[in-house]
């Protein structure tokens, strides 16, 4: 069976597995990678960019190597084995179902008026300081996190899986996980995490644009999504979160961005879709989760189609 079909069947099965099973409470492969990356950091850390480059290369290269070894082990096996490996890798690296569950759990607490429970759960979803947020601000933080993580936790992995198969899936998740661990601007990681943060920007670029495009196509307000993406994305400090959050804001008809609090540090960001959007309401959390799921399946279709067309083009080139 051709590699493009293996990816199509395997990635679809992996997404279905994520939809049914979600993430395990214990023993998740990404958590195991995180522990290994933390051990590497304890060994290598210096307040130095070169050490950070080495850390990034070892961790991302190691994840890609594991994927390559797995792919090589099933290369001569029946197609079902190759599909199963792709499905398992896809399930391991995507996190759409857990993202939706956490978002809806916070939304349910806010709808019930239990702001303290919502504050307790918010750190499971994003790095905001929950004590600095009221109910409406938490609802906005959840919608922003759903938008950004649709790209980071799902679509970006599908893109790199289409490009590089199982090694691409695992390498992208390694890049994204490292950015979350060391890519922030804390005193400890400002230099050491520089390579991880820059690599995450590069690896996340295509997935973020595909996520934004899918939000335009799937959203209830297509024109609003396209307008907000075009007008406001560049004002966001992240080159990848900007298009995603702006397109989600326009698609849902809400305002995102503004003042944020991270670990005692306050940031004043540009407002996304501020001209026509309204403040986020609790009900918008569920709308954002539904849009995230629609974006996921559109992105899968685009990745499968792109890989199939590339395979067909290579076949025509070989016959020329």
Protein backbone atom coordinates (compact mmCIF):
# COMPACT_ATOMS: atom_id res chain seq x y z
CA UNK A 1 0.00 0.00 0.00
CA UNK A 2 1.27 3.47 -0.89
CA UNK A 3 2.56 5.68 1.93
CA UNK A 4 -0.06 8.36 1.28
CA UNK A 5 -2.86 5.85 1.84
CA UNK A 6 -1.17 4.53 4.98
CA UNK A 7 -1.11 8.08 6.32
CA UNK A 8 -4.74 8.71 5.34
CA UNK A 9 -6.07 5.58 7.04
CA UNK A 10 -3.72 5.77 10.02
CA UNK A 11 -4.25 9.45 10.79
CA UNK A 12 -8.02 9.06 10.50
CA UNK A 13 -7.97 6.06 12.84
CA UNK A 14 -5.76 7.97 15.27
CA UNK A 15 -8.14 10.94 15.38
CA UNK A 16 -11.09 8.61 15.89
CA UNK A 17 -9.15 6.94 18.71
CA UNK A 18 -8.53 10.33 20.30
CA UNK A 19 -12.21 11.19 19.93
CA UNK A 20 -13.27 7.98 21.67
CA UNK A 21 -10.51 7.56 24.25
CA UNK A 22 -8.95 10.97 24.83
CA UNK A 23 -5.70 11.06 26.77
CA UNK A 24 -4.95 8.39 29.41
CA UNK A 25 -4.75 9.64 32.97
CA UNK A 26 -1.44 7.84 33.47
CA UNK A 27 1.36 6.71 31.22
CA UNK A 28 0.83 9.15 28.37
CA UNK A 29 3.75 9.05 25.88
CA UNK A 30 3.98 12.85 25.84
CA UNK A 31 4.35 12.89 29.62
CA UNK A 32 7.12 10.30 29.32
CA UNK A 33 8.87 12.51 26.78
CA UNK A 34 8.48 15.47 29.12
CA UNK A 35 10.18 13.60 31.94
CA UNK A 36 13.04 12.61 29.65
CA UNK A 37 13.41 16.20 28.41
CA UNK A 38 13.47 17.46 32.01
CA UNK A 39 16.24 14.99 32.82
CA UNK A 40 18.26 16.25 29.84
CA UNK A 41 17.76 19.81 31.04
CA UNK A 42 19.01 18.97 34.54
CA UNK A 43 22.18 17.57 32.98
CA UNK A 44 22.83 20.24 30.36
CA UNK A 45 21.45 23.48 31.78
CA UNK A 46 23.60 26.57 31.68
CA UNK A 47 22.47 30.12 31.06
CA UNK A 48 23.68 29.73 27.51
CA UNK A 49 22.06 29.49 24.06
CA UNK A 50 24.47 26.82 22.82
CA UNK A 51 23.43 24.45 25.63
CA UNK A 52 19.81 25.11 24.73
CA UNK A 53 20.47 24.32 21.08
CA UNK A 54 22.02 21.02 22.13
CA UNK A 55 19.05 20.25 24.39
CA UNK A 56 16.62 20.91 21.55
CA UNK A 57 18.61 18.85 19.06
CA UNK A 58 18.89 15.87 21.41
CA UNK A 59 15.22 15.83 22.37
CA UNK A 60 13.69 16.51 18.96
CA UNK A 61 16.23 14.33 17.20
CA UNK A 62 15.60 11.54 19.67
CA UNK A 63 11.83 11.69 19.13
CA UNK A 64 12.27 11.66 15.35
CA UNK A 65 14.70 8.74 15.64
CA UNK A 66 12.19 6.71 17.67
CA UNK A 67 9.61 7.36 14.97
CA UNK A 68 12.04 6.42 12.20
CA UNK A 69 12.98 3.17 13.94
CA UNK A 70 9.33 2.30 14.40
CA UNK A 71 8.57 3.04 10.75
CA UNK A 72 11.53 0.97 9.65
CA UNK A 73 10.45 -1.96 11.81
CA UNK A 74 7.07 -2.19 10.04
CA UNK A 75 8.24 -1.26 6.55
CA UNK A 76 8.20 -4.84 5.29
CA UNK A 77 5.13 -5.84 7.31
CA UNK A 78 1.57 -5.91 5.95
CA UNK A 79 -0.10 -2.56 5.40
CA UNK A 80 -2.22 -3.07 8.52
CA UNK A 81 0.91 -2.84 10.71
CA UNK A 82 1.99 0.41 9.09
CA UNK A 83 -1.51 1.85 9.45
CA UNK A 84 -1.63 0.77 13.10
CA UNK A 85 1.70 2.46 13.84
CA UNK A 86 0.54 5.70 12.20
CA UNK A 87 -2.75 5.51 14.11
CA UNK A 88 -0.97 4.96 17.43
CA UNK A 89 1.44 7.83 16.78
CA UNK A 90 -1.40 10.15 15.76
CA UNK A 91 -3.40 9.27 18.86
CA UNK A 92 -0.32 9.81 21.04
CA UNK A 93 0.48 13.29 19.75
CA UNK A 94 -2.93 14.91 19.25
CA UNK A 95 -4.98 16.17 22.15
CA UNK A 96 -8.22 17.51 20.74
CA UNK A 97 -10.59 15.52 22.92
CA UNK A 98 -8.85 16.38 26.19
CA UNK A 99 -8.73 20.01 25.06
CA UNK A 100 -12.48 20.04 24.53
CA UNK A 101 -13.19 18.24 27.80
CA UNK A 102 -11.13 20.67 29.87
CA UNK A 103 -12.65 23.66 28.13
CA UNK A 104 -16.20 22.40 28.68
CA UNK A 105 -15.48 21.52 32.31
CA UNK A 106 -14.46 25.12 32.96
CA UNK A 107 -17.46 26.35 30.99
CA UNK A 108 -19.75 24.17 33.07
CA UNK A 109 -18.33 25.54 36.31
CA UNK A 110 -18.74 29.12 35.07
CA UNK A 111 -22.31 28.44 33.92
CA UNK A 112 -23.10 27.09 37.39
CA UNK A 113 -21.63 30.21 38.98
CA UNK A 114 -18.80 28.26 40.60
CA UNK A 115 -15.93 30.61 39.80
CA UNK A 116 -13.55 28.99 42.29
CA UNK A 117 -13.85 25.58 40.62
CA UNK A 118 -13.23 27.25 37.26
CA UNK A 119 -10.11 28.89 38.71
CA UNK A 120 -8.86 25.53 39.95
CA UNK A 121 -9.27 23.94 36.52
CA UNK A 122 -7.95 26.78 34.37
CA UNK A 123 -4.24 25.92 34.85
CA UNK A 124 -4.97 22.52 33.25
CA UNK A 125 -5.68 24.41 30.03
CA UNK A 126 -3.43 27.47 29.96
CA UNK A 127 -0.77 29.36 31.87
CA UNK A 128 -2.88 32.33 32.94
CA UNK A 129 -3.01 33.46 36.56
CA UNK A 130 -6.58 32.41 37.49
CA UNK A 131 -6.68 34.53 40.63
CA UNK A 132 -6.38 37.66 38.49
CA UNK A 133 -9.39 36.74 36.31
CA UNK A 134 -13.13 37.09 36.77
CA UNK A 135 -15.65 34.78 35.11
CA UNK A 136 -15.80 36.63 31.79
CA UNK A 137 -12.02 36.87 31.57
CA UNK A 138 -11.70 33.14 32.23
CA UNK A 139 -14.22 32.42 29.47
CA UNK A 140 -12.11 34.53 27.11
CA UNK A 141 -8.93 32.73 28.21
CA UNK A 142 -10.57 29.36 27.50
CA UNK A 143 -11.69 30.37 24.00
CA UNK A 144 -8.20 31.69 23.24
CA UNK A 145 -6.62 28.47 24.51
CA UNK A 146 -9.01 26.32 22.47
CA UNK A 147 -8.08 28.29 19.35
CA UNK A 148 -4.32 28.18 19.92
CA UNK A 149 -4.23 24.55 20.99
CA UNK A 150 -6.28 23.45 18.00
CA UNK A 151 -3.22 24.44 16.00
CA UNK A 152 -0.55 23.34 18.48
CA UNK A 153 -2.10 20.10 19.71
CA UNK A 154 -3.83 18.85 16.58
CA UNK A 155 -3.43 20.54 13.20
CA UNK A 156 0.32 21.14 13.39
CA UNK A 157 0.90 17.46 14.13
CA UNK A 158 -1.26 16.42 11.16
CA UNK A 159 0.70 18.73 8.86
CA UNK A 160 4.05 17.28 9.87
CA UNK A 161 2.64 13.77 9.81
CA UNK A 162 1.65 14.37 6.19
CA UNK A 163 5.16 15.65 5.46
CA UNK A 164 7.25 13.16 7.42
CA UNK A 165 5.04 10.27 8.50
CA UNK A 166 5.50 8.87 12.00
CA UNK A 167 8.87 10.65 12.55
CA UNK A 168 7.17 13.94 11.58
CA UNK A 169 4.33 13.36 14.04
CA UNK A 170 6.66 12.63 16.96
CA UNK A 171 9.15 15.37 16.12
CA UNK A 172 6.43 18.03 16.00
CA UNK A 173 5.03 16.99 19.37
CA UNK A 174 8.56 17.06 20.79
CA UNK A 175 9.09 20.61 19.47
CA UNK A 176 5.77 21.82 20.87
CA UNK A 177 6.32 20.16 24.24
CA UNK A 178 9.83 21.62 24.58
CA UNK A 179 8.49 25.09 23.84
CA UNK A 180 5.97 24.70 26.66
CA UNK A 181 8.72 23.52 29.02
CA UNK A 182 11.61 25.89 28.26
CA UNK A 183 10.48 28.27 25.51
CA UNK A 184 9.06 30.99 27.76
CA UNK A 185 10.80 34.20 28.78
CA UNK A 186 11.63 33.31 32.37
CA UNK A 187 15.09 34.25 33.70
CA UNK A 188 16.14 30.59 33.67
CA UNK A 189 15.03 29.94 30.09
CA UNK A 190 15.49 33.25 28.29
CA UNK A 191 18.73 32.04 26.69
CA UNK A 192 18.52 28.29 27.26
CA UNK A 193 15.03 28.05 25.74
CA UNK A 194 15.73 30.33 22.77
CA UNK A 195 16.28 27.48 20.28
CA UNK A 196 13.16 25.61 21.37
CA UNK A 197 11.02 28.74 21.06
CA UNK A 198 12.35 29.64 17.61
CA UNK A 199 12.00 26.07 16.34
CA UNK A 200 8.43 25.98 17.61
CA UNK A 201 7.68 29.18 15.67
CA UNK A 202 9.04 27.61 12.49
CA UNK A 203 7.39 24.21 12.95
CA UNK A 204 4.06 25.75 13.90
CA UNK A 205 3.89 28.18 10.96
CA UNK A 206 2.14 25.94 8.39
CA UNK A 207 -0.26 24.40 10.89
CA UNK A 208 -1.31 27.79 12.21
CA UNK A 209 -2.16 29.05 8.71
CA UNK A 210 -4.07 25.87 7.90
CA UNK A 211 -5.97 26.20 11.20
CA UNK A 212 -6.88 29.79 10.42
CA UNK A 213 -8.00 28.90 6.91
CA UNK A 214 -10.12 26.02 8.20
CA UNK A 215 -11.70 28.34 10.78
CA UNK A 216 -12.65 30.70 7.97
CA UNK A 217 -14.24 27.84 6.00
CA UNK A 218 -15.96 26.14 8.95
CA UNK A 219 -16.90 29.12 11.11
CA UNK A 220 -20.40 30.56 11.36
CA UNK A 221 -19.12 33.95 10.13
CA UNK A 222 -16.71 33.31 7.27
CA UNK A 223 -16.34 36.94 6.27
CA UNK A 224 -15.74 37.99 9.87
CA UNK A 225 -13.08 35.31 10.30
CA UNK A 226 -11.26 36.33 7.13
CA UNK A 227 -11.50 40.01 8.01
CA UNK A 228 -10.16 39.56 11.55
CA UNK A 229 -7.32 37.34 10.31
CA UNK A 230 -6.30 39.91 7.73
CA UNK A 231 -6.67 42.95 9.98
CA UNK A 232 -5.55 41.78 13.42
CA UNK A 233 -3.29 38.73 13.26
CA UNK A 234 -0.08 40.73 12.90
CA UNK A 235 -0.81 42.64 16.11
CA UNK A 236 -0.47 39.48 18.20
CA UNK A 237 3.02 38.93 19.70
CA UNK A 238 3.04 35.30 18.49
CA UNK A 239 3.44 34.78 14.73
CA UNK A 240 1.35 31.61 14.92
CA UNK A 241 -1.21 32.29 17.63
CA UNK A 242 -2.12 35.57 15.92
CA UNK A 243 -3.76 34.12 12.78
CA UNK A 244 -5.45 31.34 14.76
CA UNK A 245 -6.93 33.47 17.52
CA UNK A 246 -7.94 36.25 15.13
CA UNK A 247 -9.74 33.86 12.77
CA UNK A 248 -11.53 32.15 15.68
CA UNK A 249 -12.54 35.55 17.08
CA UNK A 250 -14.00 36.62 13.75
CA UNK A 251 -15.68 33.28 13.12
CA UNK A 252 -17.37 33.34 16.54
CA UNK A 253 -18.10 37.08 16.49
CA UNK A 254 -16.24 37.77 19.75
CA UNK A 255 -13.35 39.91 20.95
CA UNK A 256 -10.17 38.18 22.07
CA UNK A 257 -6.87 39.55 23.35
CA UNK A 258 -6.46 42.55 25.62
CA UNK A 259 -4.93 42.50 29.10
CA UNK A 260 -3.53 39.15 30.26
CA UNK A 261 -1.79 37.99 33.45
CA UNK A 262 0.89 35.28 33.45
CA UNK A 263 2.49 34.33 36.76
CA UNK A 264 2.31 37.85 38.14
CA UNK A 265 3.40 39.44 34.83
CA UNK A 266 0.76 41.58 33.12
CA UNK A 267 0.68 41.91 29.32
CA UNK A 268 -1.41 44.35 27.34
CA UNK A 269 -2.08 42.81 23.95
CA UNK A 270 -4.00 44.12 20.99
CA UNK A 271 -7.69 43.30 20.85
CA UNK A 272 -8.59 40.86 18.08
CA UNK A 273 -11.83 41.48 16.16
CA UNK A 274 -12.40 44.54 18.32
CA UNK A 275 -14.35 46.47 15.70
CA UNK A 276 -17.35 44.16 15.46
CA UNK A 277 -16.86 41.50 18.13
CA UNK A 278 -18.68 41.34 21.43
CA UNK A 279 -17.24 40.22 24.80
CA UNK A 280 -16.86 36.46 25.20
CA UNK A 281 -19.70 34.72 27.02
CA UNK A 282 -19.69 31.33 28.72
CA UNK A 283 -21.73 29.82 25.89
CA UNK A 284 -18.96 30.72 23.45
CA UNK A 285 -16.72 28.05 25.02
CA UNK A 286 -18.91 25.29 23.62
CA UNK A 287 -19.07 27.06 20.25
CA UNK A 288 -15.27 27.28 20.19
CA UNK A 289 -14.94 23.55 20.95
CA UNK A 290 -17.35 22.68 18.14
CA UNK A 291 -15.42 24.91 15.75
CA UNK A 292 -12.17 23.26 16.87
CA UNK A 293 -13.53 19.84 15.95
CA UNK A 294 -14.72 21.03 12.56
CA UNK A 295 -11.31 22.59 11.93
CA UNK A 296 -9.62 19.31 12.87
CA UNK A 297 -11.47 17.26 10.29
CA UNK A 298 -11.07 19.89 7.59
CA UNK A 299 -7.33 19.98 8.32
CA UNK A 300 -7.10 16.20 8.13
CA UNK A 301 -8.81 16.27 4.74
CA UNK A 302 -6.41 18.94 3.51
CA UNK A 303 -3.35 17.02 4.73
CA UNK A 304 -4.52 13.76 3.16
CA UNK A 305 -5.30 15.52 -0.12
CA UNK A 306 -1.92 17.27 -0.17
CA UNK A 307 -0.01 14.04 0.48
CA UNK A 308 -2.04 12.19 -2.15
CA UNK A 309 -1.40 14.90 -4.76
CA UNK A 310 2.31 14.89 -3.92
CA UNK A 311 2.47 11.12 -4.35
CA UNK A 312 0.65 11.36 -7.67
CA UNK A 313 3.02 14.08 -8.84
CA UNK A 314 6.04 11.97 -7.94
CA UNK A 315 4.51 9.04 -9.82
CA UNK A 316 4.03 11.13 -12.96
CA UNK A 317 7.57 12.42 -12.65
CA UNK A 318 8.92 8.89 -12.41
CA UNK A 319 7.08 7.86 -15.57
CA UNK A 320 8.21 10.92 -17.55
